[in-house]
Amino acid sequence: SPLLPASAKPLAQNEDIVNIKKALIEIKDEQTPELTVPETLKTQENQEINIDSLIEATDNSGDVDVQIDGEVNYAIPGIYTLNVQAKDASGNITQKTIQVDVEKDDFYDHIAQAAKAQLGVYQDCTMLVTNALKAVGINFHGWPEEYLSLGDLTNDPVPGDIVVYSGHVGLYIGDGQVVHGGWNGNQTVIASVECDKPLIGFVHVRKP
């Protein structure tokens, strides 16, 4: 084997110098949550929507928090905007909006208008109510007291509610006024809610 210079020494294992630089690798989650919401929703006044059940949010971390900012007043028709935010454990955020259109419930107004459209028609009281109810898809004809079965009694009537008397029936149109059939020789007229027949009550019609 070749001779080493006198000044050279064999490298011993404990004399090996190895510089190892340790690198700290930080894995940063920059993936935003997946957020699925309906863009628009429609309903009628006083008919609430379970919006929470229509929102889906997922994230690769498996941990996502969903918040809804905004309110919908279902008693007042209008267009409402809700801001939905999905946030994961790393602070990544996805935002979307939902537009909720609360439409006026004109079901009862249709009944009232159909009653007023019959003014001057010669018919008895039950046919007046029967014909008005057809405007909202209700087909019913019976004795005056039998119209009680079409809804629930109320102390706060709205135009379109049925007014049931003992032996008579009419349709309430507001301001203490009722469309009566069978009046003055079977004529259809507008007159006071108070008449010569004992009042049984106001019936708020059930929707079909």
C-alpha atoms as a PDB file:
ATOM      1  CA  SER A   1       0.000   0.000   0.000  1.00  0.00           C
ATOM      2  CA  PRO A   2       1.166   3.588  -0.629  1.00  0.00           C
ATOM      3  CA  LEU A   3       3.035   5.321   2.129  1.00  0.00           C
ATOM      4  CA  LEU A   4       1.378   8.308   3.798  1.00  0.00           C
ATOM      5  CA  PRO A   5       3.266  11.501   4.444  1.00  0.00           C
ATOM      6  CA  ALA A   6       4.615  11.729   7.947  1.00  0.00           C
ATOM      7  CA  SER A   7       2.330  14.676   8.659  1.00  0.00           C
ATOM      8  CA  ALA A   8      -0.760  12.815   7.582  1.00  0.00           C
ATOM      9  CA  LYS A   9      -2.752  10.813  10.017  1.00  0.00           C
ATOM     10  CA  PRO A  10      -5.478   8.304   9.291  1.00  0.00           C
ATOM     11  CA  LEU A  11      -8.985   9.723   9.955  1.00  0.00           C
ATOM     12  CA  ALA A  12     -10.491   8.181  12.994  1.00  0.00           C
ATOM     13  CA  GLN A  13     -14.231   7.748  13.205  1.00  0.00           C
ATOM     14  CA  ASN A  14     -14.432  10.077  16.174  1.00  0.00           C
ATOM     15  CA  GLU A  15     -12.593  12.715  14.227  1.00  0.00           C
ATOM     16  CA  ASP A  16     -15.056  12.771  11.386  1.00  0.00           C
ATOM     17  CA  ILE A  17     -16.861  16.106  11.342  1.00  0.00           C
ATOM     18  CA  VAL A  18     -20.215  16.002   9.717  1.00  0.00           C
ATOM     19  CA  ASN A  19     -22.312  19.140   9.696  1.00  0.00           C
ATOM     20  CA  ILE A  20     -25.930  18.234   9.492  1.00  0.00           C
ATOM     21  CA  LYS A  21     -28.293  21.076   8.993  1.00  0.00           C
ATOM     22  CA  LYS A  22     -31.680  20.235  10.258  1.00  0.00           C
ATOM     23  CA  ALA A  23     -34.461  21.870   8.277  1.00  0.00           C
ATOM     24  CA  LEU A  24     -37.781  22.456  10.004  1.00  0.00           C
ATOM     25  CA  ILE A  25     -40.458  21.889   7.410  1.00  0.00           C
ATOM     26  CA  GLU A  26     -43.734  23.586   8.322  1.00  0.00           C
ATOM     27  CA  ILE A  27     -46.770  22.169   6.562  1.00  0.00           C
ATOM     28  CA  LYS A  28     -49.267  25.010   6.306  1.00  0.00           C
ATOM     29  CA  ASP A  29     -52.919  24.321   5.513  1.00  0.00           C
ATOM     30  CA  GLU A  30     -54.014  26.873   2.940  1.00  0.00           C
ATOM     31  CA  GLN A  31     -56.948  24.941   1.540  1.00  0.00           C
ATOM     32  CA  THR A  32     -60.257  26.715   2.088  1.00  0.00           C
ATOM     33  CA  PRO A  33     -63.368  24.771   3.126  1.00  0.00           C
ATOM     34  CA  GLU A  34     -65.866  23.577   0.548  1.00  0.00           C
ATOM     35  CA  LEU A  35     -69.141  25.450   1.076  1.00  0.00           C
ATOM     36  CA  THR A  36     -72.357  24.622  -0.749  1.00  0.00           C
ATOM     37  CA  VAL A  37     -75.420  26.845  -0.311  1.00  0.00           C
ATOM     38  CA  PRO A  38     -78.524  27.603  -2.385  1.00  0.00           C
ATOM     39  CA  GLU A  39     -78.150  30.962  -4.118  1.00  0.00           C
ATOM     40  CA  THR A  40     -81.826  31.869  -3.805  1.00  0.00           C
ATOM     41  CA  LEU A  41     -84.758  30.584  -1.764  1.00  0.00           C
ATOM     42  CA  LYS A  42     -88.440  31.441  -2.099  1.00  0.00           C
ATOM     43  CA  THR A  43     -91.197  31.142   0.454  1.00  0.00           C
ATOM     44  CA  GLN A  44     -94.418  32.850   1.485  1.00  0.00           C
ATOM     45  CA  GLU A  45     -94.950  35.049   4.506  1.00  0.00           C
ATOM     46  CA  ASN A  46     -95.174  33.172   7.810  1.00  0.00           C
ATOM     47  CA  GLN A  47     -93.653  30.042   6.248  1.00  0.00           C
ATOM     48  CA  GLU A  48     -90.159  29.577   7.663  1.00  0.00           C
ATOM     49  CA  ILE A  49     -87.327  27.713   5.939  1.00  0.00           C
ATOM     50  CA  ASN A  50     -84.831  25.512   7.787  1.00  0.00           C
ATOM     51  CA  ILE A  51     -81.810  27.122   6.148  1.00  0.00           C
ATOM     52  CA  ASP A  52     -79.276  25.227   8.271  1.00  0.00           C
ATOM     53  CA  SER A  53     -80.376  21.960   6.674  1.00  0.00           C
ATOM     54  CA  LEU A  54     -79.620  23.357   3.199  1.00  0.00           C
ATOM     55  CA  ILE A  55     -75.986  24.262   3.917  1.00  0.00           C
ATOM     56  CA  GLU A  56     -73.117  21.801   3.423  1.00  0.00           C
ATOM     57  CA  ALA A  57     -69.545  22.528   4.523  1.00  0.00           C
ATOM     58  CA  THR A  58     -66.540  20.184   4.409  1.00  0.00           C
ATOM     59  CA  ASP A  59     -62.800  20.607   4.920  1.00  0.00           C
ATOM     60  CA  ASN A  60     -59.664  18.469   4.567  1.00  0.00           C
ATOM     61  CA  SER A  61     -59.056  18.882   8.297  1.00  0.00           C
ATOM     62  CA  GLY A  62     -62.485  17.535   9.100  1.00  0.00           C
ATOM     63  CA  ASP A  63     -63.114  20.524  11.363  1.00  0.00           C
ATOM     64  CA  VAL A  64     -65.200  23.368   9.948  1.00  0.00           C
ATOM     65  CA  ASP A  65     -67.351  25.982  11.670  1.00  0.00           C
ATOM     66  CA  VAL A  66     -70.332  27.512   9.838  1.00  0.00           C
ATOM     67  CA  GLN A  67     -71.863  30.848  10.765  1.00  0.00           C
ATOM     68  CA  ILE A  68     -74.850  32.655   9.243  1.00  0.00           C
ATOM     69  CA  ASP A  69     -74.948  36.435   9.455  1.00  0.00           C
ATOM     70  CA  GLY A  70     -78.305  38.118   8.852  1.00  0.00           C
ATOM     71  CA  GLU A  71     -81.963  37.517   9.668  1.00  0.00           C
ATOM     72  CA  VAL A  72     -85.154  36.817   7.769  1.00  0.00           C
ATOM     73  CA  ASN A  73     -88.439  38.264   9.018  1.00  0.00           C
ATOM     74  CA  TYR A  74     -90.898  35.765   7.635  1.00  0.00           C
ATOM     75  CA  ALA A  75     -93.830  37.925   8.766  1.00  0.00           C
ATOM     76  CA  ILE A  76     -92.882  40.739   6.371  1.00  0.00           C
ATOM     77  CA  PRO A  77     -92.613  40.118   2.609  1.00  0.00           C
ATOM     78  CA  GLY A  78     -89.300  41.214   1.111  1.00  0.00           C
ATOM     79  CA  ILE A  79     -85.890  40.069  -0.096  1.00  0.00           C
ATOM     80  CA  TYR A  80     -83.334  39.235   2.590  1.00  0.00           C
ATOM     81  CA  THR A  81     -79.618  38.504   2.182  1.00  0.00           C
ATOM     82  CA  LEU A  82     -77.759  36.087   4.442  1.00  0.00           C
ATOM     83  CA  ASN A  83     -73.960  35.866   4.568  1.00  0.00           C
ATOM     84  CA  VAL A  84     -72.663  32.345   5.206  1.00  0.00           C
ATOM     85  CA  GLN A  85     -69.087  31.738   6.379  1.00  0.00           C
ATOM     86  CA  ALA A  86     -67.251  28.423   6.693  1.00  0.00           C
ATOM     87  CA  LYS A  87     -63.996  28.523   8.705  1.00  0.00           C
ATOM     88  CA  ASP A  88     -61.584  25.640   9.301  1.00  0.00           C
ATOM     89  CA  ALA A  89     -59.147  25.042  12.166  1.00  0.00           C
ATOM     90  CA  SER A  90     -56.349  26.843  10.309  1.00  0.00           C
ATOM     91  CA  GLY A  91     -58.410  29.977   9.857  1.00  0.00           C
ATOM     92  CA  ASN A  92     -59.143  29.481   6.165  1.00  0.00           C
ATOM     93  CA  ILE A  93     -62.481  30.999   5.248  1.00  0.00           C
ATOM     94  CA  THR A  94     -65.020  30.505   2.484  1.00  0.00           C
ATOM     95  CA  GLN A  95     -67.933  32.928   2.202  1.00  0.00           C
ATOM     96  CA  LYS A  96     -71.138  32.828   0.169  1.00  0.00           C
ATOM     97  CA  THR A  97     -74.521  34.569   0.225  1.00  0.00           C
ATOM     98  CA  ILE A  98     -78.094  33.322   0.171  1.00  0.00           C
ATOM     99  CA  GLN A  99     -80.979  35.473  -1.033  1.00  0.00           C
ATOM    100  CA  VAL A 100     -84.312  34.674   0.622  1.00  0.00           C
ATOM    101  CA  ASP A 101     -87.422  35.996  -1.133  1.00  0.00           C
ATOM    102  CA  VAL A 102     -90.419  36.120   1.217  1.00  0.00           C
ATOM    103  CA  GLU A 103     -93.448  36.573  -1.014  1.00  0.00           C
ATOM    104  CA  LYS A 104     -96.805  37.925   0.078  1.00  0.00           C
ATOM    105  CA  ASP A 105     -99.326  35.221   0.851  1.00  0.00           C
ATOM    106  CA  ASP A 106    -102.277  36.177  -1.359  1.00  0.00           C
ATOM    107  CA  PHE A 107    -104.276  32.998  -0.711  1.00  0.00           C
ATOM    108  CA  TYR A 108    -106.863  34.738   1.459  1.00  0.00           C
ATOM    109  CA  ASP A 109    -106.878  37.861  -0.686  1.00  0.00           C
ATOM    110  CA  HIS A 110    -107.884  35.687  -3.652  1.00  0.00           C
ATOM    111  CA  ILE A 111    -110.911  34.471  -1.679  1.00  0.00           C
ATOM    112  CA  ALA A 112    -111.939  38.004  -0.713  1.00  0.00           C
ATOM    113  CA  GLN A 113    -111.530  39.287  -4.266  1.00  0.00           C
ATOM    114  CA  ALA A 114    -113.516  36.342  -5.647  1.00  0.00           C
ATOM    115  CA  ALA A 115    -116.317  37.165  -3.210  1.00  0.00           C
ATOM    116  CA  LYS A 116    -116.421  40.832  -4.248  1.00  0.00           C
ATOM    117  CA  ALA A 117    -116.428  39.816  -7.912  1.00  0.00           C
ATOM    118  CA  GLN A 118    -119.847  38.249  -7.332  1.00  0.00           C
ATOM    119  CA  LEU A 119    -121.589  41.431  -6.160  1.00  0.00           C
ATOM    120  CA  GLY A 120    -125.012  41.719  -7.726  1.00  0.00           C
ATOM    121  CA  VAL A 121    -125.236  38.010  -8.566  1.00  0.00           C
ATOM    122  CA  TYR A 122    -128.506  36.359  -7.542  1.00  0.00           C
ATOM    123  CA  GLN A 123    -127.599  33.324  -5.429  1.00  0.00           C
ATOM    124  CA  ASP A 124    -127.948  32.052  -1.918  1.00  0.00           C
ATOM    125  CA  CYS A 125    -125.283  32.546   0.766  1.00  0.00           C
ATOM    126  CA  THR A 126    -123.763  29.080   0.435  1.00  0.00           C
ATOM    127  CA  MET A 127    -123.207  29.416  -3.324  1.00  0.00           C
ATOM    128  CA  LEU A 128    -121.447  32.743  -2.777  1.00  0.00           C
ATOM    129  CA  VAL A 129    -118.923  31.107  -0.445  1.00  0.00           C
ATOM    130  CA  THR A 130    -118.592  27.994  -2.568  1.00  0.00           C
ATOM    131  CA  ASN A 131    -117.856  30.017  -5.702  1.00  0.00           C
ATOM    132  CA  ALA A 132    -115.303  32.206  -3.896  1.00  0.00           C
ATOM    133  CA  LEU A 133    -113.453  29.195  -2.512  1.00  0.00           C
ATOM    134  CA  LYS A 134    -113.075  27.743  -5.985  1.00  0.00           C
ATOM    135  CA  ALA A 135    -110.621  30.572  -6.699  1.00  0.00           C
ATOM    136  CA  VAL A 136    -108.112  28.855  -4.400  1.00  0.00           C
ATOM    137  CA  GLY A 137    -108.870  25.289  -5.433  1.00  0.00           C
ATOM    138  CA  ILE A 138    -111.342  24.380  -2.685  1.00  0.00           C
ATOM    139  CA  ASN A 139    -114.470  22.594  -3.875  1.00  0.00           C
ATOM    140  CA  PHE A 140    -117.059  22.435  -1.129  1.00  0.00           C
ATOM    141  CA  HIS A 141    -120.773  23.057  -0.788  1.00  0.00           C
ATOM    142  CA  GLY A 142    -122.955  22.468   2.216  1.00  0.00           C
ATOM    143  CA  TRP A 143    -125.206  23.988   4.839  1.00  0.00           C
ATOM    144  CA  PRO A 144    -123.939  27.216   6.470  1.00  0.00           C
ATOM    145  CA  GLU A 145    -122.703  25.519   9.658  1.00  0.00           C
ATOM    146  CA  GLU A 146    -120.847  22.894   7.625  1.00  0.00           C
ATOM    147  CA  TYR A 147    -118.359  25.553   6.467  1.00  0.00           C
ATOM    148  CA  LEU A 148    -116.941  25.433   9.983  1.00  0.00           C
ATOM    149  CA  SER A 149    -115.157  22.245   8.927  1.00  0.00           C
ATOM    150  CA  LEU A 150    -112.998  24.125   6.407  1.00  0.00           C
ATOM    151  CA  GLY A 151    -110.715  25.769   8.946  1.00  0.00           C
ATOM    152  CA  ASP A 152    -110.181  26.962  12.475  1.00  0.00           C
ATOM    153  CA  LEU A 153    -112.150  29.533  14.434  1.00  0.00           C
ATOM    154  CA  THR A 154    -110.283  32.798  14.964  1.00  0.00           C
ATOM    155  CA  ASN A 155    -110.845  36.003  16.923  1.00  0.00           C
ATOM    156  CA  ASP A 156    -108.581  37.919  14.551  1.00  0.00           C
ATOM    157  CA  PRO A 157    -110.151  37.510  11.110  1.00  0.00           C
ATOM    158  CA  VAL A 158    -108.456  38.572   7.863  1.00  0.00           C
ATOM    159  CA  PRO A 159    -110.078  39.321   4.509  1.00  0.00           C
ATOM    160  CA  GLY A 160    -110.975  35.975   2.964  1.00  0.00           C
ATOM    161  CA  ASP A 161    -112.099  34.288   6.178  1.00  0.00           C
ATOM    162  CA  ILE A 162    -115.531  32.678   6.260  1.00  0.00           C
ATOM    163  CA  VAL A 163    -118.163  34.174   8.569  1.00  0.00           C
ATOM    164  CA  VAL A 164    -120.514  31.502   9.867  1.00  0.00           C
ATOM    165  CA  TYR A 165    -123.846  32.417  11.408  1.00  0.00           C
ATOM    166  CA  SER A 166    -126.688  30.254  12.591  1.00  0.00           C
ATOM    167  CA  GLY A 167    -128.415  29.530   9.292  1.00  0.00           C
ATOM    168  CA  HIS A 168    -126.228  31.884   7.231  1.00  0.00           C
ATOM    169  CA  VAL A 169    -122.686  32.191   5.884  1.00  0.00           C
ATOM    170  CA  GLY A 170    -120.653  34.978   4.286  1.00  0.00           C
ATOM    171  CA  LEU A 171    -117.095  36.071   3.479  1.00  0.00           C
ATOM    172  CA  TYR A 172    -115.209  38.662   5.485  1.00  0.00           C
ATOM    173  CA  ILE A 173    -113.491  41.420   3.449  1.00  0.00           C
ATOM    174  CA  GLY A 174    -112.133  43.590   6.281  1.00  0.00           C
ATOM    175  CA  ASP A 175    -113.209  46.690   8.220  1.00  0.00           C
ATOM    176  CA  GLY A 176    -116.210  44.902   9.692  1.00  0.00           C
ATOM    177  CA  GLN A 177    -117.652  44.235   6.221  1.00  0.00           C
ATOM    178  CA  VAL A 178    -118.922  40.957   4.818  1.00  0.00           C
ATOM    179  CA  VAL A 179    -120.014  39.851   1.368  1.00  0.00           C
ATOM    180  CA  HIS A 180    -123.421  38.245   1.881  1.00  0.00           C
ATOM    181  CA  GLY A 181    -125.348  36.103  -0.563  1.00  0.00           C
ATOM    182  CA  GLY A 182    -129.095  35.537  -0.346  1.00  0.00           C
ATOM    183  CA  TRP A 183    -129.680  39.198   0.547  1.00  0.00           C
ATOM    184  CA  ASN A 184    -132.772  41.149  -0.521  1.00  0.00           C
ATOM    185  CA  GLY A 185    -134.129  38.360  -2.645  1.00  0.00           C
ATOM    186  CA  ASN A 186    -130.982  36.288  -3.113  1.00  0.00           C
ATOM    187  CA  GLN A 187    -128.784  39.215  -4.176  1.00  0.00           C
ATOM    188  CA  THR A 188    -125.067  39.299  -3.354  1.00  0.00           C
ATOM    189  CA  VAL A 189    -124.136  42.475  -1.460  1.00  0.00           C
ATOM    190  CA  ILE A 190    -121.610  43.998   0.940  1.00  0.00           C
ATOM    191  CA  ALA A 191    -123.037  44.637   4.389  1.00  0.00           C
ATOM    192  CA  SER A 192    -121.965  44.751   8.027  1.00  0.00           C
ATOM    193  CA  VAL A 193    -120.685  41.675   9.824  1.00  0.00           C
ATOM    194  CA  GLU A 194    -123.617  42.217  12.157  1.00  0.00           C
ATOM    195  CA  CYS A 195    -126.846  40.902  10.769  1.00  0.00           C
ATOM    196  CA  ASP A 196    -130.090  39.382  11.984  1.00  0.00           C
ATOM    197  CA  LYS A 197    -128.478  35.956  12.272  1.00  0.00           C
ATOM    198  CA  PRO A 198    -126.592  34.927  15.445  1.00  0.00           C
ATOM    199  CA  LEU A 199    -122.853  34.895  14.769  1.00  0.00           C
ATOM    200  CA  ILE A 200    -121.091  31.574  15.382  1.00  0.00           C
ATOM    201  CA  GLY A 201    -117.580  32.694  14.445  1.00  0.00           C
ATOM    202  CA  PHE A 202    -114.920  33.496  11.860  1.00  0.00           C
ATOM    203  CA  VAL A 203    -113.261  30.553  10.129  1.00  0.00           C
ATOM    204  CA  HIS A 204    -109.649  30.879   8.934  1.00  0.00           C
ATOM    205  CA  VAL A 205    -109.639  28.582   5.916  1.00  0.00           C
ATOM    206  CA  ARG A 206    -107.076  25.784   5.775  1.00  0.00           C
ATOM    207  CA  LYS A 207    -105.006  25.720   2.620  1.00  0.00           C
ATOM    208  CA  PRO A 208    -105.543  22.633   0.461  1.00  0.00           C
END
